[in-house]
Amino acid sequence: MTKRLSLIALALLSLLCPIAEALITGRVDGDPWGKWSIAEGVLWMPLIYCWYYVDKREQRFRAGSLQNVGVAALALIGLPVYFFRSRGFRRGGVATLKSAGVLLRLTLLDGAGEWLAG
């Protein structure tokens, strides 16, 4: 899977999970710690890791086990650490800002999915 496909899958997951929730349960629970939100987060993990794995190969960066687990389990912390370690301060900062933009877009897609489901 390429980085682009991983991002497309994340976008589709963000948009379609609230719709699936509404179809199955009859409502959309906006609770960020609800069962559906947690399930969506669990589904995000392999997609984020896939993106990271391909990027790590492209950057020719050797990461240890702790870095790999950190990115998979705690992407909000693990990815910025990876960006700064693999790219240096300036490029790592730019990559972190870009990833924040991606997260914002995914959040907006999730909101759009909730709106469509409602």
Protein backbone atom coordinates (compact mmCIF):
# COMPACT_ATOMS: atom_id res chain seq x y z
CA MET A 1 0.00 0.00 0.00
CA THR A 2 1.28 3.45 -0.81
CA LYS A 3 1.18 6.52 1.40
CA ARG A 4 -1.53 8.03 -0.78
CA LEU A 5 -3.74 4.94 -0.47
CA SER A 6 -3.28 4.99 3.29
CA LEU A 7 -4.44 8.61 3.44
CA ILE A 8 -7.41 7.89 1.16
CA ALA A 9 -8.40 4.95 3.36
CA LEU A 10 -8.15 7.16 6.46
CA ALA A 11 -10.36 9.77 4.79
CA LEU A 12 -12.97 7.20 3.78
CA LEU A 13 -12.92 5.68 7.25
CA SER A 14 -13.42 9.10 8.84
CA LEU A 15 -16.36 9.88 6.58
CA LEU A 16 -18.04 6.47 6.60
CA CYS A 17 -17.72 5.40 10.26
CA PRO A 18 -20.38 7.84 11.53
CA ILE A 19 -22.68 6.81 8.69
CA ALA A 20 -22.19 3.13 9.54
CA GLU A 21 -22.86 3.92 13.20
CA ALA A 22 -26.13 5.62 12.30
CA LEU A 23 -27.20 2.77 10.05
CA ILE A 24 -26.47 0.12 12.68
CA THR A 25 -27.53 1.88 15.88
CA GLY A 26 -30.02 4.41 14.56
CA ARG A 27 -28.08 7.37 15.94
CA VAL A 28 -24.62 8.96 16.02
CA ASP A 29 -23.04 9.30 19.44
CA GLY A 30 -20.61 12.22 19.38
CA ASP A 31 -18.79 10.96 22.49
CA PRO A 32 -15.04 10.84 21.71
CA TRP A 33 -14.68 7.94 24.19
CA GLY A 34 -17.71 6.04 22.90
CA LYS A 35 -17.48 2.52 21.50
CA TRP A 36 -17.69 3.67 17.90
CA SER A 37 -15.04 6.35 18.29
CA ILE A 38 -12.67 3.89 19.93
CA ALA A 39 -13.34 1.32 17.20
CA GLU A 40 -12.60 3.97 14.57
CA GLY A 41 -9.33 4.80 16.34
CA VAL A 42 -8.37 1.13 16.37
CA LEU A 43 -9.08 0.95 12.63
CA TRP A 44 -6.91 4.03 12.09
CA MET A 45 -3.85 2.38 13.67
CA PRO A 46 -2.86 -0.01 10.86
CA LEU A 47 -3.46 2.68 8.24
CA ILE A 48 -1.26 5.19 10.06
CA TYR A 49 1.40 2.54 10.59
CA CYS A 50 1.28 1.60 6.91
CA TRP A 51 1.86 5.24 5.94
CA TYR A 52 4.70 5.47 8.47
CA TYR A 53 6.29 2.23 7.28
CA VAL A 54 6.38 3.38 3.64
CA ASP A 55 7.64 6.83 4.63
CA LYS A 56 10.31 5.29 6.87
CA ARG A 57 11.54 3.24 3.92
CA GLU A 58 11.55 6.28 1.63
CA GLN A 59 13.52 8.29 4.20
CA ARG A 60 15.91 5.35 4.71
CA PHE A 61 15.35 5.77 8.43
CA ARG A 62 16.06 2.92 10.84
CA ALA A 63 13.68 3.07 13.74
CA GLY A 64 13.75 0.96 16.84
CA SER A 65 10.91 -1.10 18.26
CA LEU A 66 9.87 1.63 20.68
CA GLN A 67 9.56 4.15 17.83
CA ASN A 68 7.47 1.70 15.80
CA VAL A 69 5.12 0.96 18.70
CA GLY A 70 4.92 4.66 19.55
CA VAL A 71 3.77 5.54 16.05
CA ALA A 72 1.24 2.71 15.93
CA ALA A 73 -0.24 3.18 19.40
CA LEU A 74 0.22 6.91 20.07
CA ALA A 75 0.39 8.55 16.66
CA LEU A 76 -0.19 12.07 18.01
CA ILE A 77 3.11 11.81 19.88
CA GLY A 78 4.94 9.16 17.86
CA LEU A 79 4.66 10.79 14.44
CA PRO A 80 6.09 14.19 15.41
CA VAL A 81 8.96 12.43 17.19
CA TYR A 82 9.54 10.39 14.05
CA PHE A 83 9.38 13.48 11.83
CA PHE A 84 11.99 15.36 13.85
CA ARG A 85 14.26 12.32 14.17
CA SER A 86 14.06 11.36 10.49
CA ARG A 87 14.10 14.81 8.91
CA GLY A 88 15.84 17.16 11.31
CA PHE A 89 14.42 20.25 12.97
CA ARG A 90 13.21 22.34 10.01
CA ARG A 91 11.82 19.59 7.78
CA GLY A 92 10.47 17.77 10.85
CA GLY A 93 8.56 20.89 11.86
CA VAL A 94 7.10 21.24 8.37
CA ALA A 95 6.09 17.57 8.33
CA THR A 96 4.48 17.93 11.76
CA LEU A 97 2.47 20.94 10.57
CA LYS A 98 1.38 19.03 7.47
CA SER A 99 0.30 16.08 9.60
CA ALA A 100 -1.72 18.48 11.80
CA GLY A 101 -3.42 19.67 8.60
CA VAL A 102 -4.22 16.08 7.66
CA LEU A 103 -5.66 15.47 11.13
CA LEU A 104 -7.80 18.60 10.80
CA ARG A 105 -9.13 17.39 7.43
CA LEU A 106 -9.89 13.95 8.87
CA THR A 107 -11.74 15.58 11.76
CA LEU A 108 -13.76 17.67 9.30
CA LEU A 109 -14.59 14.55 7.29
CA ASP A 110 -15.72 12.83 10.49
CA GLY A 111 -17.96 15.82 11.21
CA ALA A 112 -19.31 15.67 7.66
CA GLY A 113 -20.06 11.98 8.15
CA GLU A 114 -21.92 12.78 11.38
CA TRP A 115 -23.85 15.53 9.60
CA LEU A 116 -24.76 13.21 6.70
CA ALA A 117 -25.82 10.49 9.12
CA GLY A 118 -28.00 12.91 11.11
